Amino acid sequence: MSKRDDLIAKYAADIKDKFGESADMDLLTKVTVGLGPSIYNLDASKVSGGDDKELETVKNNYLIKKLGMADSPSLMEAIKTVMEKYGSANRNKHRAVVYYMLCKHFKKASIY
């Protein structure tokens, strides 16, 4: 398996463990590929749930630019809900998992 396949398997396990659902492997793979080389960078591959600036970046760069959503309070509410479900004690919130869960939340799989 390639390094990317290993990461995708890790992300799928995270979705199962933290969110209690089986990952749509096709969508998870597309979200992961869409993140490009950032998945291999230790810092860029994670989302800091306690950093408001980081959450704004997720909102602006992913939800608004990538998924084409209009800015509204519901975007940040969804991000915070995903962060809460991921677990505040969990310091390793993978960006691919967060983006995948947001994509599913807003039913935007068709973007990929």
PDB file of N, CA and C in Angstrom:
ATOM      1  N   MET A   1       0.836  -1.198   0.000  1.00  0.00           N
ATOM      2  CA  MET A   1       0.000   0.000   0.000  1.00  0.00           C
ATOM      3  C   MET A   1       0.872   1.251   0.000  1.00  0.00           C
ATOM      4  N   SER A   2       0.374   2.278  -0.650  1.00  0.00           N
ATOM      5  CA  SER A   2       1.113   3.532  -0.684  1.00  0.00           C
ATOM      6  C   SER A   2       0.896   4.274   0.629  1.00  0.00           C
ATOM      7  N   LYS A   3       1.700   5.299   0.813  1.00  0.00           N
ATOM      8  CA  LYS A   3       1.575   6.103   2.031  1.00  0.00           C
ATOM      9  C   LYS A   3       0.183   6.750   2.100  1.00  0.00           C
ATOM     10  N   ARG A   4      -0.322   7.192   0.942  1.00  0.00           N
ATOM     11  CA  ARG A   4      -1.652   7.805   0.918  1.00  0.00           C
ATOM     12  C   ARG A   4      -2.723   6.782   1.305  1.00  0.00           C
ATOM     13  N   ASP A   5      -2.605   5.553   0.798  1.00  0.00           N
ATOM     14  CA  ASP A   5      -3.567   4.501   1.151  1.00  0.00           C
ATOM     15  C   ASP A   5      -3.536   4.219   2.648  1.00  0.00           C
ATOM     16  N   ASP A   6      -2.340   4.242   3.232  1.00  0.00           N
ATOM     17  CA  ASP A   6      -2.205   4.036   4.676  1.00  0.00           C
ATOM     18  C   ASP A   6      -2.939   5.137   5.444  1.00  0.00           C
ATOM     19  N   LEU A   7      -2.766   6.370   4.983  1.00  0.00           N
ATOM     20  CA  LEU A   7      -3.425   7.501   5.647  1.00  0.00           C
ATOM     21  C   LEU A   7      -4.937   7.404   5.507  1.00  0.00           C
ATOM     22  N   ILE A   8      -5.413   7.030   4.326  1.00  0.00           N
ATOM     23  CA  ILE A   8      -6.855   6.914   4.104  1.00  0.00           C
ATOM     24  C   ILE A   8      -7.431   5.834   5.025  1.00  0.00           C
ATOM     25  N   ALA A   9      -6.702   4.738   5.193  1.00  0.00           N
ATOM     26  CA  ALA A   9      -7.153   3.671   6.108  1.00  0.00           C
ATOM     27  C   ALA A   9      -7.210   4.191   7.548  1.00  0.00           C
ATOM     28  N   LYS A  10      -6.220   5.018   7.907  1.00  0.00           N
ATOM     29  CA  LYS A  10      -6.197   5.609   9.258  1.00  0.00           C
ATOM     30  C   LYS A  10      -7.380   6.560   9.440  1.00  0.00           C
ATOM     31  N   TYR A  11      -7.675   7.351   8.410  1.00  0.00           N
ATOM     32  CA  TYR A  11      -8.802   8.282   8.478  1.00  0.00           C
ATOM     33  C   TYR A  11     -10.121   7.518   8.613  1.00  0.00           C
ATOM     34  N   ALA A  12     -10.260   6.423   7.854  1.00  0.00           N
ATOM     35  CA  ALA A  12     -11.486   5.616   7.913  1.00  0.00           C
ATOM     36  C   ALA A  12     -11.665   5.027   9.314  1.00  0.00           C
ATOM     37  N   ALA A  13     -10.561   4.584   9.923  1.00  0.00           N
ATOM     38  CA  ALA A  13     -10.620   4.044  11.286  1.00  0.00           C
ATOM     39  C   ALA A  13     -11.041   5.134  12.265  1.00  0.00           C
ATOM     40  N   ASP A  14     -10.538   6.354  12.056  1.00  0.00           N
ATOM     41  CA  ASP A  14     -10.904   7.490  12.902  1.00  0.00           C
ATOM     42  C   ASP A  14     -12.404   7.783  12.795  1.00  0.00           C
ATOM     43  N   ILE A  15     -12.933   7.745  11.592  1.00  0.00           N
ATOM     44  CA  ILE A  15     -14.361   8.007  11.381  1.00  0.00           C
ATOM     45  C   ILE A  15     -15.185   6.947  12.109  1.00  0.00           C
ATOM     46  N   LYS A  16     -14.747   5.698  12.033  1.00  0.00           N
ATOM     47  CA  LYS A  16     -15.446   4.592  12.706  1.00  0.00           C
ATOM     48  C   LYS A  16     -15.379   4.770  14.222  1.00  0.00           C
ATOM     49  N   ASP A  17     -14.171   5.058  14.741  1.00  0.00           N
ATOM     50  CA  ASP A  17     -13.970   5.174  16.192  1.00  0.00           C
ATOM     51  C   ASP A  17     -14.627   6.417  16.791  1.00  0.00           C
ATOM     52  N   LYS A  18     -14.449   7.557  16.162  1.00  0.00           N
ATOM     53  CA  LYS A  18     -14.880   8.834  16.743  1.00  0.00           C
ATOM     54  C   LYS A  18     -16.317   9.211  16.411  1.00  0.00           C
ATOM     55  N   PHE A  19     -16.775   8.809  15.210  1.00  0.00           N
ATOM     56  CA  PHE A  19     -18.106   9.218  14.764  1.00  0.00           C
ATOM     57  C   PHE A  19     -19.084   8.051  14.699  1.00  0.00           C
ATOM     58  N   GLY A  20     -18.572   6.837  14.889  1.00  0.00           N
ATOM     59  CA  GLY A  20     -19.422   5.658  14.924  1.00  0.00           C
ATOM     60  C   GLY A  20     -20.107   5.320  13.620  1.00  0.00           C
ATOM     61  N   GLU A  21     -19.464   5.653  12.504  1.00  0.00           N
ATOM     62  CA  GLU A  21     -20.054   5.312  11.209  1.00  0.00           C
ATOM     63  C   GLU A  21     -18.982   4.813  10.258  1.00  0.00           C
ATOM     64  N   SER A  22     -19.405   4.048   9.298  1.00  0.00           N
ATOM     65  CA  SER A  22     -18.468   3.549   8.299  1.00  0.00           C
ATOM     66  C   SER A  22     -18.244   4.640   7.257  1.00  0.00           C
ATOM     67  N   ALA A  23     -17.006   4.795   6.860  1.00  0.00           N
ATOM     68  CA  ALA A  23     -16.667   5.838   5.888  1.00  0.00           C
ATOM     69  C   ALA A  23     -17.073   5.425   4.484  1.00  0.00           C
ATOM     70  N   ASP A  24     -17.511   6.395   3.714  1.00  0.00           N
ATOM     71  CA  ASP A  24     -17.711   6.202   2.275  1.00  0.00           C
ATOM     72  C   ASP A  24     -16.301   6.322   1.689  1.00  0.00           C
ATOM     73  N   MET A  25     -15.691   5.182   1.403  1.00  0.00           N
ATOM     74  CA  MET A  25     -14.277   5.175   1.013  1.00  0.00           C
ATOM     75  C   MET A  25     -14.015   5.966  -0.263  1.00  0.00           C
ATOM     76  N   ASP A  26     -14.971   5.963  -1.179  1.00  0.00           N
ATOM     77  CA  ASP A  26     -14.803   6.711  -2.417  1.00  0.00           C
ATOM     78  C   ASP A  26     -14.717   8.210  -2.125  1.00  0.00           C
ATOM     79  N   LEU A  27     -15.665   8.695  -1.311  1.00  0.00           N
ATOM     80  CA  LEU A  27     -15.669  10.117  -0.958  1.00  0.00           C
ATOM     81  C   LEU A  27     -14.442  10.473  -0.113  1.00  0.00           C
ATOM     82  N   LEU A  28     -14.109   9.634   0.858  1.00  0.00           N
ATOM     83  CA  LEU A  28     -12.948   9.893   1.709  1.00  0.00           C
ATOM     84  C   LEU A  28     -11.670   9.980   0.873  1.00  0.00           C
ATOM     85  N   THR A  29     -11.542   9.097  -0.102  1.00  0.00           N
ATOM     86  CA  THR A  29     -10.370   9.120  -0.985  1.00  0.00           C
ATOM     87  C   THR A  29     -10.328  10.418  -1.777  1.00  0.00           C
ATOM     88  N   LYS A  30     -11.468  10.847  -2.307  1.00  0.00           N
ATOM     89  CA  LYS A  30     -11.514  12.083  -3.094  1.00  0.00           C
ATOM     90  C   LYS A  30     -11.189  13.303  -2.235  1.00  0.00           C
ATOM     91  N   VAL A  31     -11.714  13.339  -1.013  1.00  0.00           N
ATOM     92  CA  VAL A  31     -11.420  14.458  -0.106  1.00  0.00           C
ATOM     93  C   VAL A  31      -9.927  14.477   0.207  1.00  0.00           C
ATOM     94  N   THR A  32      -9.366  13.300   0.479  1.00  0.00           N
ATOM     95  CA  THR A  32      -7.944  13.201   0.812  1.00  0.00           C
ATOM     96  C   THR A  32      -7.078  13.635  -0.366  1.00  0.00           C
ATOM     97  N   VAL A  33      -7.398  13.155  -1.557  1.00  0.00           N
ATOM     98  CA  VAL A  33      -6.638  13.534  -2.758  1.00  0.00           C
ATOM     99  C   VAL A  33      -6.741  15.049  -2.976  1.00  0.00           C
ATOM    100  N   GLY A  34      -7.920  15.608  -2.697  1.00  0.00           N
ATOM    101  CA  GLY A  34      -8.132  17.045  -2.857  1.00  0.00           C
ATOM    102  C   GLY A  34      -7.265  17.890  -1.946  1.00  0.00           C
ATOM    103  N   LEU A  35      -6.811  17.303  -0.843  1.00  0.00           N
ATOM    104  CA  LEU A  35      -5.936  18.040   0.078  1.00  0.00           C
ATOM    105  C   LEU A  35      -4.490  18.078  -0.418  1.00  0.00           C
ATOM    106  N   GLY A  36      -4.179  17.253  -1.386  1.00  0.00           N
ATOM    107  CA  GLY A  36      -2.841  17.263  -1.973  1.00  0.00           C
ATOM    108  C   GLY A  36      -1.756  16.897  -0.981  1.00  0.00           C
ATOM    109  N   PRO A  37      -0.573  17.490  -1.168  1.00  0.00           N
ATOM    110  CA  PRO A  37       0.579  17.121  -0.328  1.00  0.00           C
ATOM    111  C   PRO A  37       0.456  17.531   1.136  1.00  0.00           C
ATOM    112  N   SER A  38      -0.542  18.338   1.483  1.00  0.00           N
ATOM    113  CA  SER A  38      -0.670  18.783   2.880  1.00  0.00           C
ATOM    114  C   SER A  38      -0.912  17.614   3.835  1.00  0.00           C
ATOM    115  N   ILE A  39      -1.429  16.488   3.321  1.00  0.00           N
ATOM    116  CA  ILE A  39      -1.697  15.340   4.202  1.00  0.00           C
ATOM    117  C   ILE A  39      -0.413  14.725   4.743  1.00  0.00           C
ATOM    118  N   TYR A  40       0.708  15.008   4.093  1.00  0.00           N
ATOM    119  CA  TYR A  40       1.991  14.453   4.540  1.00  0.00           C
ATOM    120  C   TYR A  40       2.726  15.383   5.505  1.00  0.00           C
ATOM    121  N   ASN A  41       2.210  16.595   5.661  1.00  0.00           N
ATOM    122  CA  ASN A  41       2.828  17.567   6.561  1.00  0.00           C
ATOM    123  C   ASN A  41       2.143  17.451   7.921  1.00  0.00           C
ATOM    124  N   LEU A  42       2.935  17.176   8.963  1.00  0.00           N
ATOM    125  CA  LEU A  42       2.374  16.912  10.288  1.00  0.00           C
ATOM    126  C   LEU A  42       1.459  18.035  10.768  1.00  0.00           C
ATOM    127  N   ASP A  43       1.869  19.282  10.572  1.00  0.00           N
ATOM    128  CA  ASP A  43       1.068  20.410  11.046  1.00  0.00           C
ATOM    129  C   ASP A  43      -0.140  20.665  10.138  1.00  0.00           C
ATOM    130  N   ALA A  44       0.083  20.687   8.836  1.00  0.00           N
ATOM    131  CA  ALA A  44      -0.993  21.005   7.888  1.00  0.00           C
ATOM    132  C   ALA A  44      -2.053  19.914   7.824  1.00  0.00           C
ATOM    133  N   SER A  45      -1.693  18.701   8.182  1.00  0.00           N
ATOM    134  CA  SER A  45      -2.641  17.583   8.079  1.00  0.00           C
ATOM    135  C   SER A  45      -3.635  17.541   9.234  1.00  0.00           C
ATOM    136  N   LYS A  46      -3.427  18.391  10.237  1.00  0.00           N
ATOM    137  CA  LYS A  46      -4.287  18.407  11.422  1.00  0.00           C
ATOM    138  C   LYS A  46      -5.063  19.733  11.496  1.00  0.00           C
ATOM    139  N   VAL A  47      -6.183  19.690  12.212  1.00  0.00           N
ATOM    140  CA  VAL A  47      -6.970  20.897  12.477  1.00  0.00           C
ATOM    141  C   VAL A  47      -6.994  21.089  13.983  1.00  0.00           C
ATOM    142  N   SER A  48      -6.626  22.290  14.422  1.00  0.00           N
ATOM    143  CA  SER A  48      -6.662  22.600  15.843  1.00  0.00           C
ATOM    144  C   SER A  48      -8.059  23.101  16.191  1.00  0.00           C
ATOM    145  N   GLY A  49      -8.807  22.280  16.923  1.00  0.00           N
ATOM    146  CA  GLY A  49     -10.185  22.625  17.253  1.00  0.00           C
ATOM    147  C   GLY A  49     -10.327  23.806  18.188  1.00  0.00           C
ATOM    148  N   GLY A  50      -9.273  24.119  18.947  1.00  0.00           N
ATOM    149  CA  GLY A  50      -9.341  25.209  19.902  1.00  0.00           C
ATOM    150  C   GLY A  50      -8.855  26.536  19.356  1.00  0.00           C
ATOM    151  N   ASP A  51      -8.406  26.543  18.111  1.00  0.00           N
ATOM    152  CA  ASP A  51      -7.841  27.750  17.510  1.00  0.00           C
ATOM    153  C   ASP A  51      -8.886  28.374  16.575  1.00  0.00           C
ATOM    154  N   ASP A  52      -9.468  29.489  17.009  1.00  0.00           N
ATOM    155  CA  ASP A  52     -10.523  30.133  16.216  1.00  0.00           C
ATOM    156  C   ASP A  52     -10.033  30.536  14.826  1.00  0.00           C
ATOM    157  N   LYS A  53      -8.757  30.955  14.734  1.00  0.00           N
ATOM    158  CA  LYS A  53      -8.199  31.351  13.442  1.00  0.00           C
ATOM    159  C   LYS A  53      -8.167  30.149  12.496  1.00  0.00           C
ATOM    160  N   GLU A  54      -7.813  29.006  13.038  1.00  0.00           N
ATOM    161  CA  GLU A  54      -7.775  27.769  12.253  1.00  0.00           C
ATOM    162  C   GLU A  54      -9.183  27.383  11.762  1.00  0.00           C
ATOM    163  N   LEU A  55     -10.163  27.542  12.643  1.00  0.00           N
ATOM    164  CA  LEU A  55     -11.542  27.209  12.268  1.00  0.00           C
ATOM    165  C   LEU A  55     -12.074  28.162  11.195  1.00  0.00           C
ATOM    166  N   GLU A  56     -11.654  29.423  11.263  1.00  0.00           N
ATOM    167  CA  GLU A  56     -12.022  30.400  10.229  1.00  0.00           C
ATOM    168  C   GLU A  56     -11.419  29.984   8.887  1.00  0.00           C
ATOM    169  N   THR A  57     -10.182  29.475   8.929  1.00  0.00           N
ATOM    170  CA  THR A  57      -9.508  29.015   7.710  1.00  0.00           C
ATOM    171  C   THR A  57     -10.275  27.847   7.092  1.00  0.00           C
ATOM    172  N   VAL A  58     -10.711  26.917   7.931  1.00  0.00           N
ATOM    173  CA  VAL A  58     -11.510  25.779   7.431  1.00  0.00           C
ATOM    174  C   VAL A  58     -12.774  26.314   6.773  1.00  0.00           C
ATOM    175  N   LYS A  59     -13.427  27.252   7.446  1.00  0.00           N
ATOM    176  CA  LYS A  59     -14.671  27.820   6.910  1.00  0.00           C
ATOM    177  C   LYS A  59     -14.425  28.514   5.569  1.00  0.00           C
ATOM    178  N   ASN A  60     -13.431  29.399   5.532  1.00  0.00           N
ATOM    179  CA  ASN A  60     -13.186  30.192   4.324  1.00  0.00           C
ATOM    180  C   ASN A  60     -12.610  29.377   3.170  1.00  0.00           C
ATOM    181  N   ASN A  61     -11.579  28.577   3.449  1.00  0.00           N
ATOM    182  CA  ASN A  61     -10.896  27.862   2.374  1.00  0.00           C
ATOM    183  C   ASN A  61     -11.621  26.605   1.918  1.00  0.00           C
ATOM    184  N   TYR A  62     -12.313  25.948   2.835  1.00  0.00           N
ATOM    185  CA  TYR A  62     -12.978  24.706   2.437  1.00  0.00           C
ATOM    186  C   TYR A  62     -14.468  24.908   2.148  1.00  0.00           C
ATOM    187  N   LEU A  63     -15.204  25.365   3.150  1.00  0.00           N
ATOM    188  CA  LEU A  63     -16.654  25.455   2.967  1.00  0.00           C
ATOM    189  C   LEU A  63     -17.055  26.504   1.931  1.00  0.00           C
ATOM    190  N   ILE A  64     -16.417  27.673   1.977  1.00  0.00           N
ATOM    191  CA  ILE A  64     -16.818  28.755   1.075  1.00  0.00           C
ATOM    192  C   ILE A  64     -16.143  28.611  -0.297  1.00  0.00           C
ATOM    193  N   LYS A  65     -14.799  28.468  -0.314  1.00  0.00           N
ATOM    194  CA  LYS A  65     -14.098  28.404  -1.606  1.00  0.00           C
ATOM    195  C   LYS A  65     -14.277  27.065  -2.305  1.00  0.00           C
ATOM    196  N   LYS A  66     -14.026  25.962  -1.598  1.00  0.00           N
ATOM    197  CA  LYS A  66     -14.065  24.638  -2.237  1.00  0.00           C
ATOM    198  C   LYS A  66     -15.502  24.149  -2.465  1.00  0.00           C
ATOM    199  N   LEU A  67     -16.333  24.213  -1.431  1.00  0.00           N
ATOM    200  CA  LEU A  67     -17.697  23.696  -1.565  1.00  0.00           C
ATOM    201  C   LEU A  67     -18.680  24.732  -2.101  1.00  0.00           C
ATOM    202  N   GLY A  68     -18.238  25.997  -2.215  1.00  0.00           N
ATOM    203  CA  GLY A  68     -19.068  27.032  -2.811  1.00  0.00           C
ATOM    204  C   GLY A  68     -20.269  27.447  -1.976  1.00  0.00           C
ATOM    205  N   MET A  69     -20.116  27.391  -0.661  1.00  0.00           N
ATOM    206  CA  MET A  69     -21.232  27.740   0.213  1.00  0.00           C
ATOM    207  C   MET A  69     -21.221  29.228   0.543  1.00  0.00           C
ATOM    208  N   ALA A  70     -22.398  29.753   0.852  1.00  0.00           N
ATOM    209  CA  ALA A  70     -22.496  31.149   1.260  1.00  0.00           C
ATOM    210  C   ALA A  70     -22.154  31.252   2.742  1.00  0.00           C
ATOM    211  N   ASP A  71     -21.457  32.322   3.107  1.00  0.00           N
ATOM    212  CA  ASP A  71     -21.056  32.522   4.501  1.00  0.00           C
ATOM    213  C   ASP A  71     -22.298  32.733   5.364  1.00  0.00           C
ATOM    214  N   SER A  72     -22.384  31.961   6.429  1.00  0.00           N
ATOM    215  CA  SER A  72     -23.482  32.135   7.380  1.00  0.00           C
ATOM    216  C   SER A  72     -23.054  31.511   8.711  1.00  0.00           C
ATOM    217  N   PRO A  73     -23.739  31.868   9.796  1.00  0.00           N
ATOM    218  CA  PRO A  73     -23.391  31.301  11.106  1.00  0.00           C
ATOM    219  C   PRO A  73     -23.480  29.773  11.144  1.00  0.00           C
ATOM    220  N   SER A  74     -24.308  29.185  10.279  1.00  0.00           N
ATOM    221  CA  SER A  74     -24.455  27.725  10.286  1.00  0.00           C
ATOM    222  C   SER A  74     -23.166  27.012   9.900  1.00  0.00           C
ATOM    223  N   LEU A  75     -22.295  27.689   9.142  1.00  0.00           N
ATOM    224  CA  LEU A  75     -21.024  27.063   8.750  1.00  0.00           C
ATOM    225  C   LEU A  75     -20.154  26.821   9.979  1.00  0.00           C
ATOM    226  N   MET A  76     -19.998  27.845  10.810  1.00  0.00           N
ATOM    227  CA  MET A  76     -19.171  27.702  12.006  1.00  0.00           C
ATOM    228  C   MET A  76     -19.813  26.736  12.999  1.00  0.00           C
ATOM    229  N   GLU A  77     -21.142  26.757  13.067  1.00  0.00           N
ATOM    230  CA  GLU A  77     -21.844  25.806  13.952  1.00  0.00           C
ATOM    231  C   GLU A  77     -21.527  24.373  13.533  1.00  0.00           C
ATOM    232  N   ALA A  78     -21.534  24.115  12.236  1.00  0.00           N
ATOM    233  CA  ALA A  78     -21.246  22.767  11.727  1.00  0.00           C
ATOM    234  C   ALA A  78     -19.803  22.375  12.045  1.00  0.00           C
ATOM    235  N   ILE A  79     -18.878  23.300  11.859  1.00  0.00           N
ATOM    236  CA  ILE A  79     -17.464  23.022  12.166  1.00  0.00           C
ATOM    237  C   ILE A  79     -17.326  22.670  13.636  1.00  0.00           C
ATOM    238  N   LYS A  80     -17.955  23.459  14.499  1.00  0.00           N
ATOM    239  CA  LYS A  80     -17.846  23.204  15.945  1.00  0.00           C
ATOM    240  C   LYS A  80     -18.501  21.875  16.329  1.00  0.00           C
ATOM    241  N   THR A  81     -19.593  21.521  15.662  1.00  0.00           N
ATOM    242  CA  THR A  81     -20.252  20.238  15.928  1.00  0.00           C
ATOM    243  C   THR A  81     -19.319  19.084  15.560  1.00  0.00           C
ATOM    244  N   VAL A  82     -18.669  19.180  14.404  1.00  0.00           N
ATOM    245  CA  VAL A  82     -17.729  18.133  13.982  1.00  0.00           C
ATOM    246  C   VAL A  82     -16.569  18.044  14.978  1.00  0.00           C
ATOM    247  N   MET A  83     -16.057  19.202  15.404  1.00  0.00           N
ATOM    248  CA  MET A  83     -14.949  19.213  16.363  1.00  0.00           C
ATOM    249  C   MET A  83     -15.368  18.573  17.683  1.00  0.00           C
ATOM    250  N   GLU A  84     -16.579  18.861  18.106  1.00  0.00           N
ATOM    251  CA  GLU A  84     -17.104  18.307  19.359  1.00  0.00           C
ATOM    252  C   GLU A  84     -17.224  16.783  19.258  1.00  0.00           C
ATOM    253  N   LYS A  85     -17.783  16.307  18.151  1.00  0.00           N
ATOM    254  CA  LYS A  85     -17.938  14.868  17.960  1.00  0.00           C
ATOM    255  C   LYS A  85     -16.583  14.175  17.863  1.00  0.00           C
ATOM    256  N   TYR A  86     -15.610  14.869  17.260  1.00  0.00           N
ATOM    257  CA  TYR A  86     -14.264  14.303  17.114  1.00  0.00           C
ATOM    258  C   TYR A  86     -13.636  14.109  18.493  1.00  0.00           C
ATOM    259  N   GLY A  87     -14.042  14.937  19.447  1.00  0.00           N
ATOM    260  CA  GLY A  87     -13.560  14.804  20.819  1.00  0.00           C
ATOM    261  C   GLY A  87     -12.561  15.887  21.167  1.00  0.00           C
ATOM    262  N   SER A  88     -12.904  16.690  22.178  1.00  0.00           N
ATOM    263  CA  SER A  88     -12.023  17.796  22.553  1.00  0.00           C
ATOM    264  C   SER A  88     -10.712  17.293  23.139  1.00  0.00           C
ATOM    265  N   ALA A  89     -10.712  16.100  23.708  1.00  0.00           N
ATOM    266  CA  ALA A  89      -9.475  15.552  24.278  1.00  0.00           C
ATOM    267  C   ALA A  89      -8.551  15.007  23.193  1.00  0.00           C
ATOM    268  N   ASN A  90      -9.095  14.769  22.017  1.00  0.00           N
ATOM    269  CA  ASN A  90      -8.301  14.237  20.913  1.00  0.00           C
ATOM    270  C   ASN A  90      -7.546  15.372  20.226  1.00  0.00           C
ATOM    271  N   ARG A  91      -6.233  15.358  20.355  1.00  0.00           N
ATOM    272  CA  ARG A  91      -5.424  16.434  19.779  1.00  0.00           C
ATOM    273  C   ARG A  91      -5.147  16.210  18.293  1.00  0.00           C
ATOM    274  N   ASN A  92      -5.318  14.985  17.823  1.00  0.00           N
ATOM    275  CA  ASN A  92      -5.013  14.673  16.421  1.00  0.00           C
ATOM    276  C   ASN A  92      -6.277  14.628  15.570  1.00  0.00           C
ATOM    277  N   LYS A  93      -6.794  15.789  15.265  1.00  0.00           N
ATOM    278  CA  LYS A  93      -7.969  15.874  14.405  1.00  0.00           C
ATOM    279  C   LYS A  93      -7.467  16.007  12.970  1.00  0.00           C
ATOM    280  N   HIS A  94      -7.586  14.939  12.225  1.00  0.00           N
ATOM    281  CA  HIS A  94      -7.080  14.942  10.850  1.00  0.00           C
ATOM    282  C   HIS A  94      -7.943  15.827   9.957  1.00  0.00           C
ATOM    283  N   ARG A  95      -7.279  16.680   9.187  1.00  0.00           N
ATOM    284  CA  ARG A  95      -7.973  17.613   8.299  1.00  0.00           C
ATOM    285  C   ARG A  95      -8.879  16.853   7.322  1.00  0.00           C
ATOM    286  N   ALA A  96      -8.400  15.748   6.778  1.00  0.00           N
ATOM    287  CA  ALA A  96      -9.198  14.982   5.815  1.00  0.00           C
ATOM    288  C   ALA A  96     -10.496  14.486   6.452  1.00  0.00           C
ATOM    289  N   VAL A  97     -10.427  14.059   7.713  1.00  0.00           N
ATOM    290  CA  VAL A  97     -11.619  13.564   8.403  1.00  0.00           C
ATOM    291  C   VAL A  97     -12.592  14.720   8.656  1.00  0.00           C
ATOM    292  N   VAL A  98     -12.063  15.852   9.101  1.00  0.00           N
ATOM    293  CA  VAL A  98     -12.908  17.029   9.363  1.00  0.00           C
ATOM    294  C   VAL A  98     -13.601  17.460   8.067  1.00  0.00           C
ATOM    295  N   TYR A  99     -12.844  17.554   6.974  1.00  0.00           N
ATOM    296  CA  TYR A  99     -13.411  17.971   5.693  1.00  0.00           C
ATOM    297  C   TYR A  99     -14.440  16.953   5.202  1.00  0.00           C
ATOM    298  N   TYR A 100     -14.135  15.679   5.366  1.00  0.00           N
ATOM    299  CA  TYR A 100     -15.062  14.616   4.964  1.00  0.00           C
ATOM    300  C   TYR A 100     -16.389  14.740   5.723  1.00  0.00           C
ATOM    301  N   MET A 101     -16.295  14.920   7.037  1.00  0.00           N
ATOM    302  CA  MET A 101     -17.504  15.020   7.855  1.00  0.00           C
ATOM    303  C   MET A 101     -18.313  16.276   7.495  1.00  0.00           C
ATOM    304  N   LEU A 102     -17.631  17.380   7.211  1.00  0.00           N
ATOM    305  CA  LEU A 102     -18.331  18.602   6.804  1.00  0.00           C
ATOM    306  C   LEU A 102     -18.996  18.414   5.439  1.00  0.00           C
ATOM    307  N   CYS A 103     -18.301  17.743   4.551  1.00  0.00           N
ATOM    308  CA  CYS A 103     -18.839  17.474   3.220  1.00  0.00           C
ATOM    309  C   CYS A 103     -20.117  16.644   3.341  1.00  0.00           C
ATOM    310  N   LYS A 104     -20.091  15.636   4.191  1.00  0.00           N
ATOM    311  CA  LYS A 104     -21.281  14.802   4.400  1.00  0.00           C
ATOM    312  C   LYS A 104     -22.392  15.602   5.095  1.00  0.00           C
ATOM    313  N   HIS A 105     -22.025  16.408   6.080  1.00  0.00           N
ATOM    314  CA  HIS A 105     -23.002  17.203   6.829  1.00  0.00           C
ATOM    315  C   HIS A 105     -23.814  18.104   5.883  1.00  0.00           C
ATOM    316  N   PHE A 106     -23.102  18.752   4.951  1.00  0.00           N
ATOM    317  CA  PHE A 106     -23.767  19.678   4.050  1.00  0.00           C
ATOM    318  C   PHE A 106     -24.232  19.001   2.748  1.00  0.00           C
ATOM    319  N   LYS A 107     -24.069  17.668   2.679  1.00  0.00           N
ATOM    320  CA  LYS A 107     -24.487  16.895   1.492  1.00  0.00           C
ATOM    321  C   LYS A 107     -23.878  17.476   0.217  1.00  0.00           C
ATOM    322  N   LYS A 108     -22.559  17.663   0.242  1.00  0.00           N
ATOM    323  CA  LYS A 108     -21.866  18.255  -0.902  1.00  0.00           C
ATOM    324  C   LYS A 108     -20.939  17.261  -1.609  1.00  0.00           C
ATOM    325  N   ALA A 109     -21.212  15.969  -1.457  1.00  0.00           N
ATOM    326  CA  ALA A 109     -20.358  14.946  -2.091  1.00  0.00           C
ATOM    327  C   ALA A 109     -20.296  15.122  -3.589  1.00  0.00           C
ATOM    328  N   SER A 110     -21.334  15.705  -4.189  1.00  0.00           N
ATOM    329  CA  SER A 110     -21.376  15.878  -5.650  1.00  0.00           C
ATOM    330  C   SER A 110     -20.266  16.811  -6.144  1.00  0.00           C
ATOM    331  N   ILE A 111     -19.715  17.654  -5.253  1.00  0.00           N
ATOM    332  CA  ILE A 111     -18.618  18.557  -5.615  1.00  0.00           C
ATOM    333  C   ILE A 111     -17.414  17.746  -6.081  1.00  0.00           C
ATOM    334  N   TYR A 112     -17.247  16.581  -5.466  1.00  0.00           N
ATOM    335  CA  TYR A 112     -16.112  15.726  -5.809  1.00  0.00           C
ATOM    336  C   TYR A 112     -16.463  14.822  -6.965  1.00  0.00           C
TER     337      TYR A 112
END
